[in-house]
C-alpha atoms as a PDB file:
ATOM      1  CA  MET A   1      58.433  46.234  85.259  1.00  0.00           C
ATOM      2  CA  SER A   2      60.219  43.962  87.975  1.00  0.00           C
ATOM      3  CA  ALA A   3      58.603  43.760  90.993  1.00  0.00           C
ATOM      4  CA  GLN A   4      61.591  43.661  92.816  1.00  0.00           C
ATOM      5  CA  ARG A   5      62.501  46.736  91.537  1.00  0.00           C
ATOM      6  CA  PRO A   6      60.026  49.803  91.484  1.00  0.00           C
ATOM      7  CA  PRO A   7      60.312  52.150  88.420  1.00  0.00           C
ATOM      8  CA  VAL A   8      61.319  55.591  88.117  1.00  0.00           C
ATOM      9  CA  VAL A   9      58.044  57.583  88.296  1.00  0.00           C
ATOM     10  CA  VAL A  10      58.016  61.038  85.815  1.00  0.00           C
ATOM     11  CA  VAL A  11      54.776  63.338  86.924  1.00  0.00           C
ATOM     12  CA  GLY A  12      54.167  65.380  83.754  1.00  0.00           C
ATOM     13  CA  ALA A  13      53.726  64.066  79.998  1.00  0.00           C
ATOM     14  CA  GLY A  14      55.113  67.362  78.186  1.00  0.00           C
ATOM     15  CA  ILE A  15      57.933  67.166  75.881  1.00  0.00           C
ATOM     16  CA  ALA A  16      60.596  67.270  78.582  1.00  0.00           C
ATOM     17  CA  GLY A  17      58.499  64.806  80.963  1.00  0.00           C
ATOM     18  CA  ALA A  18      58.072  62.689  77.636  1.00  0.00           C
ATOM     19  CA  ALA A  19      61.819  63.137  76.377  1.00  0.00           C
ATOM     20  CA  CYS A  20      62.740  62.199  79.986  1.00  0.00           C
ATOM     21  CA  ALA A  21      60.855  58.714  79.799  1.00  0.00           C
ATOM     22  CA  ARG A  22      61.950  58.411  76.429  1.00  0.00           C
ATOM     23  CA  ALA A  23      66.109  58.414  77.363  1.00  0.00           C
ATOM     24  CA  LEU A  24      65.064  56.286  80.624  1.00  0.00           C
ATOM     25  CA  THR A  25      63.293  53.498  78.531  1.00  0.00           C
ATOM     26  CA  ASP A  26      66.093  53.408  75.973  1.00  0.00           C
ATOM     27  CA  ALA A  27      68.459  52.712  78.915  1.00  0.00           C
ATOM     28  CA  GLY A  28      66.206  49.727  80.016  1.00  0.00           C
ATOM     29  CA  VAL A  29      64.992  51.986  83.130  1.00  0.00           C
ATOM     30  CA  PRO A  30      61.491  50.629  84.204  1.00  0.00           C
ATOM     31  CA  VAL A  31      59.701  54.271  84.162  1.00  0.00           C
ATOM     32  CA  ARG A  32      55.339  54.896  84.938  1.00  0.00           C
ATOM     33  CA  VAL A  33      54.515  58.095  83.735  1.00  0.00           C
ATOM     34  CA  LEU A  34      51.798  60.676  85.258  1.00  0.00           C
ATOM     35  CA  ASP A  35      50.062  63.041  84.068  1.00  0.00           C
ATOM     36  CA  ARG A  36      47.251  64.971  84.825  1.00  0.00           C
ATOM     37  CA  GLY A  37      45.762  65.872  81.265  1.00  0.00           C
ATOM     38  CA  ARG A  38      43.631  63.358  79.280  1.00  0.00           C
ATOM     39  CA  ARG A  39      46.377  63.202  77.019  1.00  0.00           C
ATOM     40  CA  PRO A  40      50.132  64.012  76.576  1.00  0.00           C
ATOM     41  CA  GLY A  41      51.193  67.251  75.919  1.00  0.00           C
ATOM     42  CA  GLY A  42      51.302  69.645  78.070  1.00  0.00           C
ATOM     43  CA  ARG A  43      52.101  73.376  76.853  1.00  0.00           C
ATOM     44  CA  MET A  44      52.543  71.838  73.424  1.00  0.00           C
ATOM     45  CA  SER A  45      48.796  70.664  73.541  1.00  0.00           C
ATOM     46  CA  GLY A  46      46.761  71.458  71.121  1.00  0.00           C
ATOM     47  CA  ARG A  47      42.569  70.873  70.500  1.00  0.00           C
ATOM     48  CA  ARG A  48      40.586  68.963  67.501  1.00  0.00           C
ATOM     49  CA  VAL A  49      38.808  71.675  65.506  1.00  0.00           C
ATOM     50  CA  GLU A  50      36.547  71.233  62.509  1.00  0.00           C
ATOM     51  CA  THR A  51      38.151  74.116  59.578  1.00  0.00           C
ATOM     52  CA  SER A  52      36.815  74.585  56.389  1.00  0.00           C
ATOM     53  CA  ALA A  53      39.858  72.396  55.205  1.00  0.00           C
ATOM     54  CA  GLY A  54      38.318  69.805  57.134  1.00  0.00           C
ATOM     55  CA  VAL A  55      39.411  68.375  60.970  1.00  0.00           C
ATOM     56  CA  ARG A  56      42.742  70.130  62.231  1.00  0.00           C
ATOM     57  CA  VAL A  57      44.741  70.579  65.312  1.00  0.00           C
ATOM     58  CA  ALA A  58      45.152  74.124  66.442  1.00  0.00           C
ATOM     59  CA  ASP A  59      48.422  74.978  68.279  1.00  0.00           C
ATOM     60  CA  LEU A  60      47.495  76.282  71.186  1.00  0.00           C
ATOM     61  CA  GLY A  61      50.333  76.488  73.577  1.00  0.00           C
ATOM     62  CA  ALA A  62      54.306  77.075  72.325  1.00  0.00           C
ATOM     63  CA  SER A  63      53.709  78.563  68.917  1.00  0.00           C
ATOM     64  CA  TYR A  64      56.698  76.707  67.029  1.00  0.00           C
ATOM     65  CA  PHE A  65      59.853  75.819  68.083  1.00  0.00           C
ATOM     66  CA  THR A  66      64.071  76.733  66.841  1.00  0.00           C
ATOM     67  CA  VAL A  67      66.592  74.470  66.488  1.00  0.00           C
ATOM     68  CA  PRO A  68      69.977  75.967  68.510  1.00  0.00           C
ATOM     69  CA  GLY A  69      73.264  76.580  66.537  1.00  0.00           C
ATOM     70  CA  ASP A  70      76.137  73.947  66.912  1.00  0.00           C
ATOM     71  CA  GLY A  71      78.034  74.503  69.778  1.00  0.00           C
ATOM     72  CA  SER A  72      75.427  75.518  71.827  1.00  0.00           C
ATOM     73  CA  PRO A  73      75.251  74.976  75.495  1.00  0.00           C
ATOM     74  CA  ASP A  74      71.208  75.363  75.288  1.00  0.00           C
ATOM     75  CA  ASP A  75      71.892  71.956  73.254  1.00  0.00           C
ATOM     76  CA  PRO A  76      75.089  69.934  73.972  1.00  0.00           C
ATOM     77  CA  GLY A  77      76.399  67.901  71.771  1.00  0.00           C
ATOM     78  CA  GLY A  78      73.345  68.681  69.152  1.00  0.00           C
ATOM     79  CA  ALA A  79      71.541  66.477  70.629  1.00  0.00           C
ATOM     80  CA  PHE A  80      68.205  68.015  70.241  1.00  0.00           C
ATOM     81  CA  ALA A  81      68.865  69.152  66.314  1.00  0.00           C
ATOM     82  CA  ALA A  82      69.322  65.066  66.152  1.00  0.00           C
ATOM     83  CA  GLN A  83      65.919  64.783  67.454  1.00  0.00           C
ATOM     84  CA  VAL A  84      64.773  67.597  65.066  1.00  0.00           C
ATOM     85  CA  ALA A  85      65.946  66.134  62.027  1.00  0.00           C
ATOM     86  CA  ASP A  86      64.441  62.736  62.662  1.00  0.00           C
ATOM     87  CA  TRP A  87      61.640  64.416  62.943  1.00  0.00           C
ATOM     88  CA  GLU A  88      62.222  66.190  59.717  1.00  0.00           C
ATOM     89  CA  ALA A  89      62.886  63.011  57.755  1.00  0.00           C
ATOM     90  CA  ARG A  90      60.122  61.160  58.450  1.00  0.00           C
ATOM     91  CA  GLY A  91      57.673  64.394  57.970  1.00  0.00           C
ATOM     92  CA  LEU A  92      56.587  64.617  61.226  1.00  0.00           C
ATOM     93  CA  ALA A  93      58.132  68.393  61.482  1.00  0.00           C
ATOM     94  CA  HIS A  94      58.952  71.259  59.015  1.00  0.00           C
ATOM     95  CA  ARG A  95      60.558  74.561  58.707  1.00  0.00           C
ATOM     96  CA  TRP A  96      57.960  77.091  58.948  1.00  0.00           C
ATOM     97  CA  THR A  97      59.561  80.355  58.576  1.00  0.00           C
ATOM     98  CA  ASP A  98      62.150  82.825  59.857  1.00  0.00           C
ATOM     99  CA  THR A  99      60.460  85.884  59.177  1.00  0.00           C
ATOM    100  CA  LEU A 100      57.337  87.207  61.720  1.00  0.00           C
ATOM    101  CA  ALA A 101      55.289  90.379  60.702  1.00  0.00           C
ATOM    102  CA  VAL A 102      55.189  93.249  63.650  1.00  0.00           C
ATOM    103  CA  VAL A 103      52.185  95.284  64.209  1.00  0.00           C
ATOM    104  CA  THR A 104      52.435  98.503  66.290  1.00  0.00           C
ATOM    105  CA  GLY A 105      49.818 100.456  67.575  1.00  0.00           C
ATOM    106  CA  ARG A 106      46.737  99.720  68.613  1.00  0.00           C
ATOM    107  CA  ALA A 107      43.286  98.374  66.976  1.00  0.00           C
ATOM    108  CA  ALA A 108      41.706 102.155  67.180  1.00  0.00           C
ATOM    109  CA  ASP A 109      44.754 103.512  65.920  1.00  0.00           C
ATOM    110  CA  GLY A 110      44.518 101.320  62.713  1.00  0.00           C
ATOM    111  CA  ALA A 111      47.310  99.778  62.673  1.00  0.00           C
ATOM    112  CA  ARG A 112      48.212  96.650  60.495  1.00  0.00           C
ATOM    113  CA  VAL A 113      50.691  93.837  59.085  1.00  0.00           C
ATOM    114  CA  ASP A 114      52.693  96.999  56.784  1.00  0.00           C
ATOM    115  CA  GLY A 115      55.350  94.884  55.732  1.00  0.00           C
ATOM    116  CA  THR A 116      57.441  95.462  59.297  1.00  0.00           C
ATOM    117  CA  THR A 117      59.105  92.313  59.776  1.00  0.00           C
ATOM    118  CA  SER A 118      61.523  90.501  61.962  1.00  0.00           C
ATOM    119  CA  THR A 119      63.923  88.444  60.764  1.00  0.00           C
ATOM    120  CA  GLY A 120      65.190  85.288  62.779  1.00  0.00           C
ATOM    121  CA  PRO A 121      66.119  81.993  63.524  1.00  0.00           C
ATOM    122  CA  TRP A 122      63.895  79.178  61.642  1.00  0.00           C
ATOM    123  CA  ARG A 123      60.768  78.606  63.402  1.00  0.00           C
ATOM    124  CA  TRP A 124      59.719  75.321  62.841  1.00  0.00           C
ATOM    125  CA  GLY A 125      56.035  73.488  63.000  1.00  0.00           C
ATOM    126  CA  ALA A 126      54.437  70.035  62.846  1.00  0.00           C
ATOM    127  CA  ARG A 127      51.472  69.326  60.433  1.00  0.00           C
ATOM    128  CA  ALA A 128      49.603  67.048  62.544  1.00  0.00           C
ATOM    129  CA  GLY A 129      50.233  69.964  65.881  1.00  0.00           C
ATOM    130  CA  LEU A 130      53.139  70.149  68.053  1.00  0.00           C
ATOM    131  CA  ARG A 131      51.919  67.508  70.717  1.00  0.00           C
ATOM    132  CA  SER A 132      52.337  65.272  67.909  1.00  0.00           C
ATOM    133  CA  LEU A 133      56.086  65.845  68.661  1.00  0.00           C
ATOM    134  CA  VAL A 134      55.390  64.277  72.200  1.00  0.00           C
ATOM    135  CA  ASP A 135      53.401  61.621  70.871  1.00  0.00           C
ATOM    136  CA  ASP A 136      56.412  60.373  68.894  1.00  0.00           C
ATOM    137  CA  LEU A 137      58.496  60.753  71.422  1.00  0.00           C
ATOM    138  CA  LEU A 138      56.406  57.847  74.057  1.00  0.00           C
ATOM    139  CA  ALA A 139      56.104  55.790  70.825  1.00  0.00           C
ATOM    140  CA  PRO A 140      58.228  56.107  68.275  1.00  0.00           C
ATOM    141  CA  PRO A 141      58.816  53.284  65.636  1.00  0.00           C
ATOM    142  CA  GLY A 142      60.616  50.296  66.212  1.00  0.00           C
ATOM    143  CA  ARG A 143      61.557  51.434  70.267  1.00  0.00           C
ATOM    144  CA  PRO A 144      59.485  50.442  73.317  1.00  0.00           C
ATOM    145  CA  GLU A 145      56.411  52.352  73.828  1.00  0.00           C
ATOM    146  CA  VAL A 146      55.858  54.785  76.849  1.00  0.00           C
ATOM    147  CA  ARG A 147      52.024  54.486  78.157  1.00  0.00           C
ATOM    148  CA  VAL A 148      51.086  57.343  80.248  1.00  0.00           C
ATOM    149  CA  GLU A 149      48.222  57.316  82.829  1.00  0.00           C
ATOM    150  CA  GLY A 150      46.202  60.118  81.841  1.00  0.00           C
ATOM    151  CA  SER A 151      43.659  61.998  83.993  1.00  0.00           C
ATOM    152  CA  THR A 152      45.729  61.522  87.548  1.00  0.00           C
ATOM    153  CA  ASP A 153      46.348  64.206  89.502  1.00  0.00           C
ATOM    154  CA  VAL A 154      49.331  63.735  91.942  1.00  0.00           C
ATOM    155  CA  GLU A 155      48.565  64.622  95.929  1.00  0.00           C
ATOM    156  CA  ALA A 156      52.499  64.559  96.968  1.00  0.00           C
ATOM    157  CA  VAL A 157      55.808  63.447  96.572  1.00  0.00           C
ATOM    158  CA  GLU A 158      57.426  61.690  99.846  1.00  0.00           C
ATOM    159  CA  ALA A 159      61.509  61.272 100.544  1.00  0.00           C
ATOM    160  CA  GLY A 160      61.799  58.389 103.031  1.00  0.00           C
ATOM    161  CA  PRO A 161      64.696  55.708 104.000  1.00  0.00           C
ATOM    162  CA  ALA A 162      63.906  53.568 101.817  1.00  0.00           C
ATOM    163  CA  GLY A 163      63.795  55.709  98.802  1.00  0.00           C
ATOM    164  CA  PRO A 164      60.923  58.113  97.789  1.00  0.00           C
ATOM    165  CA  SER A 165      57.706  57.674  96.936  1.00  0.00           C
ATOM    166  CA  VAL A 166      54.652  59.732  94.877  1.00  0.00           C
ATOM    167  CA  ASP A 167      51.222  59.242  96.817  1.00  0.00           C
ATOM    168  CA  GLY A 168      52.563  56.522  98.982  1.00  0.00           C
ATOM    169  CA  GLN A 169      53.911  54.396  95.958  1.00  0.00           C
ATOM    170  CA  PRO A 170      57.455  53.559  95.879  1.00  0.00           C
ATOM    171  CA  ALA A 171      59.735  54.864  93.135  1.00  0.00           C
ATOM    172  CA  ALA A 172      63.668  54.491  92.155  1.00  0.00           C
ATOM    173  CA  ALA A 173      63.423  58.083  91.472  1.00  0.00           C
ATOM    174  CA  VAL A 174      60.702  60.651  91.130  1.00  0.00           C
ATOM    175  CA  VAL A 175      60.824  63.379  88.167  1.00  0.00           C
ATOM    176  CA  LEU A 176      58.861  66.207  88.439  1.00  0.00           C
ATOM    177  CA  ALA A 177      58.163  67.719  84.724  1.00  0.00           C
ATOM    178  CA  MET A 178      56.881  70.789  85.421  1.00  0.00           C
ATOM    179  CA  PRO A 179      56.537  73.919  85.993  1.00  0.00           C
ATOM    180  CA  ASP A 180      58.593  75.097  89.512  1.00  0.00           C
ATOM    181  CA  PRO A 181      55.899  76.698  91.186  1.00  0.00           C
ATOM    182  CA  GLN A 182      53.810  73.284  90.541  1.00  0.00           C
ATOM    183  CA  ALA A 183      56.656  71.035  91.827  1.00  0.00           C
ATOM    184  CA  ALA A 184      57.229  72.914  94.901  1.00  0.00           C
ATOM    185  CA  ASP A 185      54.079  72.047  96.203  1.00  0.00           C
ATOM    186  CA  LEU A 186      54.351  68.350  95.780  1.00  0.00           C
ATOM    187  CA  LEU A 187      57.801  68.347  97.544  1.00  0.00           C
ATOM    188  CA  PRO A 188      58.408  68.617 101.054  1.00  0.00           C
ATOM    189  CA  ARG A 189      59.893  71.567 102.067  1.00  0.00           C
ATOM    190  CA  MET A 190      63.480  71.014 102.865  1.00  0.00           C
ATOM    191  CA  VAL A 191      64.018  68.802  99.283  1.00  0.00           C
ATOM    192  CA  ALA A 192      61.991  71.903  97.591  1.00  0.00           C
ATOM    193  CA  THR A 193      64.689  74.341  99.063  1.00  0.00           C
ATOM    194  CA  ARG A 194      68.108  72.355  98.035  1.00  0.00           C
ATOM    195  CA  LEU A 195      66.459  72.033  94.550  1.00  0.00           C
ATOM    196  CA  ASP A 196      66.136  75.595  94.398  1.00  0.00           C
ATOM    197  CA  VAL A 197      62.329  75.408  93.344  1.00  0.00           C
ATOM    198  CA  SER A 198      59.845  77.906  95.144  1.00  0.00           C
ATOM    199  CA  ALA A 199      55.953  77.763  94.538  1.00  0.00           C
ATOM    200  CA  ARG A 200      56.863  81.850  95.140  1.00  0.00           C
ATOM    201  CA  TRP A 201      58.519  82.128  91.603  1.00  0.00           C
ATOM    202  CA  ASN A 202      56.406  83.950  89.254  1.00  0.00           C
ATOM    203  CA  TYR A 203      55.257  82.304  85.607  1.00  0.00           C
ATOM    204  CA  ARG A 204      53.564  84.374  82.858  1.00  0.00           C
ATOM    205  CA  PRO A 205      49.777  83.196  82.262  1.00  0.00           C
ATOM    206  CA  ALA A 206      48.622  83.443  78.999  1.00  0.00           C
ATOM    207  CA  ILE A 207      44.941  82.956  76.894  1.00  0.00           C
ATOM    208  CA  ALA A 208      45.068  81.411  73.775  1.00  0.00           C
ATOM    209  CA  VAL A 209      42.261  82.820  71.776  1.00  0.00           C
ATOM    210  CA  TYR A 210      41.320  80.485  68.556  1.00  0.00           C
ATOM    211  CA  ALA A 211      39.058  81.038  66.024  1.00  0.00           C
ATOM    212  CA  ALA A 212      38.036  80.082  62.252  1.00  0.00           C
ATOM    213  CA  TRP A 213      36.240  81.418  59.351  1.00  0.00           C
ATOM    214  CA  PRO A 214      34.932  79.877  56.187  1.00  0.00           C
ATOM    215  CA  GLN A 215      37.868  81.335  54.099  1.00  0.00           C
ATOM    216  CA  ARG A 216      40.849  83.752  54.837  1.00  0.00           C
ATOM    217  CA  TRP A 217      40.274  87.396  55.277  1.00  0.00           C
ATOM    218  CA  TRP A 218      43.610  88.511  56.020  1.00  0.00           C
ATOM    219  CA  PRO A 219      46.811  89.635  53.841  1.00  0.00           C
ATOM    220  CA  GLY A 220      49.564  86.873  53.558  1.00  0.00           C
ATOM    221  CA  PHE A 221      51.538  86.570  56.880  1.00  0.00           C
ATOM    222  CA  ASP A 222      52.875  83.656  59.354  1.00  0.00           C
ATOM    223  CA  ALA A 223      52.565  85.322  62.394  1.00  0.00           C
ATOM    224  CA  ALA A 224      53.032  88.708  63.993  1.00  0.00           C
ATOM    225  CA  PHE A 225      54.164  90.244  66.978  1.00  0.00           C
ATOM    226  CA  VAL A 226      52.226  92.459  68.679  1.00  0.00           C
ATOM    227  CA  ASN A 227      53.264  95.878  69.972  1.00  0.00           C
ATOM    228  CA  ASP A 228      52.268  98.122  72.379  1.00  0.00           C
ATOM    229  CA  SER A 229      48.609  96.435  72.873  1.00  0.00           C
ATOM    230  CA  ASP A 230      47.254  96.078  76.019  1.00  0.00           C
ATOM    231  CA  LEU A 231      45.249  93.025  74.884  1.00  0.00           C
ATOM    232  CA  LEU A 232      47.911  91.609  72.681  1.00  0.00           C
ATOM    233  CA  THR A 233      51.007  90.005  72.203  1.00  0.00           C
ATOM    234  CA  PHE A 234      51.343  87.277  69.583  1.00  0.00           C
ATOM    235  CA  LEU A 235      49.112  86.587  66.185  1.00  0.00           C
ATOM    236  CA  ALA A 236      49.656  83.272  64.347  1.00  0.00           C
ATOM    237  CA  ASP A 237      48.273  81.893  61.056  1.00  0.00           C
ATOM    238  CA  ASP A 238      47.490  78.067  61.995  1.00  0.00           C
ATOM    239  CA  GLY A 239      46.893  76.836  58.890  1.00  0.00           C
ATOM    240  CA  ALA A 240      49.985  78.432  57.434  1.00  0.00           C
ATOM    241  CA  ARG A 241      51.799  76.887  60.488  1.00  0.00           C
ATOM    242  CA  ARG A 242      50.735  73.771  59.994  1.00  0.00           C
ATOM    243  CA  GLY A 243      51.270  73.519  56.117  1.00  0.00           C
ATOM    244  CA  ASP A 244      47.276  72.636  55.310  1.00  0.00           C
ATOM    245  CA  GLY A 245      46.075  76.385  54.448  1.00  0.00           C
ATOM    246  CA  ALA A 246      42.868  76.143  57.306  1.00  0.00           C
ATOM    247  CA  PRO A 247      41.134  79.556  57.823  1.00  0.00           C
ATOM    248  CA  VAL A 248      42.472  79.674  61.497  1.00  0.00           C
ATOM    249  CA  LEU A 249      43.687  82.280  63.433  1.00  0.00           C
ATOM    250  CA  VAL A 250      45.448  82.245  67.188  1.00  0.00           C
ATOM    251  CA  ALA A 251      46.099  85.069  69.178  1.00  0.00           C
ATOM    252  CA  HIS A 252      47.807  85.122  72.655  1.00  0.00           C
ATOM    253  CA  THR A 253      46.710  87.745  75.112  1.00  0.00           C
ATOM    254  CA  ALA A 254      48.513  90.209  77.224  1.00  0.00           C
ATOM    255  CA  PRO A 255      49.977  89.156  80.587  1.00  0.00           C
ATOM    256  CA  ASP A 256      47.838  91.756  82.585  1.00  0.00           C
ATOM    257  CA  VAL A 257      44.388  90.422  80.894  1.00  0.00           C
ATOM    258  CA  SER A 258      45.506  86.890  81.491  1.00  0.00           C
ATOM    259  CA  ALA A 259      45.729  87.489  84.687  1.00  0.00           C
ATOM    260  CA  GLU A 260      42.729  89.258  85.095  1.00  0.00           C
ATOM    261  CA  HIS A 261      40.474  86.168  83.068  1.00  0.00           C
ATOM    262  CA  LEU A 262      42.333  83.490  84.291  1.00  0.00           C
ATOM    263  CA  ASP A 263      38.656  81.991  85.722  1.00  0.00           C
ATOM    264  CA  ASP A 264      36.710  83.017  83.214  1.00  0.00           C
ATOM    265  CA  PRO A 265      38.552  82.983  79.653  1.00  0.00           C
ATOM    266  CA  ALA A 266      35.915  83.306  77.389  1.00  0.00           C
ATOM    267  CA  ALA A 267      35.163  86.532  78.883  1.00  0.00           C
ATOM    268  CA  VAL A 268      38.230  87.883  76.550  1.00  0.00           C
ATOM    269  CA  VAL A 269      36.896  86.346  72.965  1.00  0.00           C
ATOM    270  CA  ALA A 270      34.968  88.601  72.069  1.00  0.00           C
ATOM    271  CA  GLY A 271      37.339  91.628  72.586  1.00  0.00           C
ATOM    272  CA  VAL A 272      40.136  89.626  70.965  1.00  0.00           C
ATOM    273  CA  VAL A 273      37.834  88.385  67.664  1.00  0.00           C
ATOM    274  CA  ALA A 274      36.578  91.942  67.575  1.00  0.00           C
ATOM    275  CA  GLU A 275      40.821  93.232  67.435  1.00  0.00           C
ATOM    276  CA  LEU A 276      41.316  90.998  64.810  1.00  0.00           C
ATOM    277  CA  GLY A 277      40.421  92.898  61.358  1.00  0.00           C
ATOM    278  CA  PRO A 278      41.485  96.145  62.992  1.00  0.00           C
ATOM    279  CA  LEU A 279      44.844  94.771  63.408  1.00  0.00           C
ATOM    280  CA  LEU A 280      45.323  92.951  60.097  1.00  0.00           C
ATOM    281  CA  THR A 281      43.365  94.717  57.467  1.00  0.00           C
ATOM    282  CA  GLY A 282      42.278  98.509  59.329  1.00  0.00           C
ATOM    283  CA  ARG A 283      38.403  97.043  59.133  1.00  0.00           C
ATOM    284  CA  PRO A 284      35.792  94.734  60.809  1.00  0.00           C
ATOM    285  CA  THR A 285      36.370  91.740  62.027  1.00  0.00           C
ATOM    286  CA  PRO A 286      34.764  89.314  59.943  1.00  0.00           C
ATOM    287  CA  VAL A 287      32.178  87.245  62.018  1.00  0.00           C
ATOM    288  CA  PRO A 288      33.858  83.749  62.955  1.00  0.00           C
ATOM    289  CA  SER A 289      32.649  80.043  62.102  1.00  0.00           C
ATOM    290  CA  TRP A 290      33.245  79.740  65.825  1.00  0.00           C
ATOM    291  CA  ASN A 291      36.180  81.280  68.324  1.00  0.00           C
ATOM    292  CA  ARG A 292      37.025  79.758  71.676  1.00  0.00           C
ATOM    293  CA  ALA A 293      39.606  80.161  74.395  1.00  0.00           C
ATOM    294  CA  HIS A 294      42.181  78.119  76.304  1.00  0.00           C
ATOM    295  CA  ARG A 295      43.968  79.355  78.943  1.00  0.00           C
ATOM    296  CA  TRP A 296      47.803  78.770  80.520  1.00  0.00           C
ATOM    297  CA  SER A 297      47.806  79.864  84.324  1.00  0.00           C
ATOM    298  CA  LEU A 298      51.691  78.865  83.667  1.00  0.00           C
ATOM    299  CA  ALA A 299      53.288  80.061  80.457  1.00  0.00           C
ATOM    300  CA  GLN A 300      56.352  81.047  80.561  1.00  0.00           C
ATOM    301  CA  PRO A 301      58.706  81.053  83.992  1.00  0.00           C
ATOM    302  CA  LEU A 302      59.729  84.764  84.757  1.00  0.00           C
ATOM    303  CA  ARG A 303      63.248  83.046  86.202  1.00  0.00           C
ATOM    304  CA  GLN A 304      65.362  80.393  84.886  1.00  0.00           C
ATOM    305  CA  HIS A 305      68.085  78.056  86.026  1.00  0.00           C
ATOM    306  CA  PRO A 306      70.783  79.267  83.487  1.00  0.00           C
ATOM    307  CA  ASP A 307      73.651  77.436  84.813  1.00  0.00           C
ATOM    308  CA  ASP A 308      71.714  73.783  84.972  1.00  0.00           C
ATOM    309  CA  LEU A 309      69.833  71.647  82.679  1.00  0.00           C
ATOM    310  CA  PHE A 310      67.713  69.999  85.383  1.00  0.00           C
ATOM    311  CA  GLY A 311      67.993  69.922  89.578  1.00  0.00           C
ATOM    312  CA  LEU A 312      68.808  66.087  90.904  1.00  0.00           C
ATOM    313  CA  ASP A 313      68.338  65.887  94.539  1.00  0.00           C
ATOM    314  CA  ALA A 314      70.875  63.063  95.052  1.00  0.00           C
ATOM    315  CA  ALA A 315      70.187  62.325  99.182  1.00  0.00           C
ATOM    316  CA  THR A 316      66.321  61.105  98.223  1.00  0.00           C
ATOM    317  CA  GLY A 317      66.553  60.710  94.360  1.00  0.00           C
ATOM    318  CA  ILE A 318      63.866  63.484  93.522  1.00  0.00           C
ATOM    319  CA  ALA A 319      64.646  65.364  90.580  1.00  0.00           C
ATOM    320  CA  VAL A 320      63.058  68.650  88.305  1.00  0.00           C
ATOM    321  CA  CYS A 321      63.070  69.331  84.866  1.00  0.00           C
ATOM    322  CA  GLY A 322      61.992  71.107  82.341  1.00  0.00           C
ATOM    323  CA  ASP A 323      61.279  74.763  80.345  1.00  0.00           C
ATOM    324  CA  SER A 324      62.813  77.096  83.406  1.00  0.00           C
ATOM    325  CA  TRP A 325      66.544  74.503  83.211  1.00  0.00           C
ATOM    326  CA  GLY A 326      68.486  75.967  81.001  1.00  0.00           C
ATOM    327  CA  ARG A 327      69.023  80.067  79.827  1.00  0.00           C
ATOM    328  CA  THR A 328      66.060  80.471  77.847  1.00  0.00           C
ATOM    329  CA  SER A 329      62.414  78.964  78.047  1.00  0.00           C
ATOM    330  CA  LYS A 330      62.344  77.350  74.951  1.00  0.00           C
ATOM    331  CA  VAL A 331      60.756  74.060  73.776  1.00  0.00           C
ATOM    332  CA  SER A 332      64.596  72.667  73.051  1.00  0.00           C
ATOM    333  CA  THR A 333      65.264  73.714  76.511  1.00  0.00           C
ATOM    334  CA  ALA A 334      62.517  71.283  77.841  1.00  0.00           C
ATOM    335  CA  TRP A 335      63.584  68.782  75.519  1.00  0.00           C
ATOM    336  CA  VAL A 336      67.330  68.575  76.264  1.00  0.00           C
ATOM    337  CA  SER A 337      66.438  69.516  80.455  1.00  0.00           C
ATOM    338  CA  GLY A 338      64.635  66.141  80.037  1.00  0.00           C
ATOM    339  CA  THR A 339      66.781  64.153  78.175  1.00  0.00           C
ATOM    340  CA  ALA A 340      69.936  65.411  80.108  1.00  0.00           C
ATOM    341  CA  LEU A 341      68.099  64.099  83.043  1.00  0.00           C
ATOM    342  CA  GLY A 342      66.637  60.942  81.852  1.00  0.00           C
ATOM    343  CA  ARG A 343      70.355  59.950  80.626  1.00  0.00           C
ATOM    344  CA  ARG A 344      71.970  60.720  84.094  1.00  0.00           C
ATOM    345  CA  LEU A 345      69.484  58.227  86.391  1.00  0.00           C
ATOM    346  CA  GLY A 346      69.649  55.685  82.999  1.00  0.00           C
ATOM    347  CA  GLU A 347      73.628  55.602  84.002  1.00  0.00           C
ATOM    348  CA  GLN A 348      72.732  55.031  87.984  1.00  0.00           C
ATOM    349  CA  LEU A 349      69.973  52.826  87.490  1.00  0.00           C
ATOM    350  CA  ALA A 350      70.790  50.718  84.337  1.00  0.00           C
ATOM    351  CA  GLY A 351      71.555  47.090  84.796  1.00  0.00           C
END
């Protein structure tokens, strides 16, 4: 890192931040990545858990990703599709399923997976968990590694006459790869206004409840949308998703329940686990080996920036990117947003 030239500072090491840092590094631009988590991943993070099949990484945030079709404005030039093809060729990502079950009715109504399905695009998974793809962006074989300074809480981003700074440290540019409300909290008000980010924009919360059993007791299914339930919205067979068969289920709670229990996510575990058996088999849930919960305060944006891939304030060199920059909130949207911003800044700052 040149003493005469400060780095671009990327705050946030989810897939958008990692993709942005990758593009900057490939362009030869010095970059510094800060993240408040202990390790990269953001909403593609998971947890290492003990299962009867061995230690695995359970996916607790993003449930899967899809690849936009040819010519899609969500993937200009097919860049994300090419990245996924590379991950697939190296065994990091795989096609999981194009058909999800649909569970209708409440647990009290004896609802179960009964053959009703929803067919759509291929959903992709990763054998080592989705966060392994973020790790790969930061340190792909044969290319310079991007180091992440974890457990780092950023307090403020300032815009001064000499350029932007992060907590008083100068930067060639600053990228906030995070949800809009978090970005707005760090920015000067006028910069946030020009970038059209606000702490008032709502995000849908979620609590992921995950549990393991000595063996599978549920019918064969990959994942299921849960309709007409006040408690759940989505179920995934985590072992099927990775392809290793580990008997682990991950359930996402409904927004209202999630919002009510964000301060104590463990409080929803018993109710969620109790509902799984009636939903999937019409019988009581077997006692799990263990069960846990993880909260996502800002799981999904309720407002998108549909016409832009990222936000860049040219006057200050401060930018924002992430899954809200595009028509729909997806993993691919976040990757495209971060990559497009990194390439733009690389063109401006390289050399």
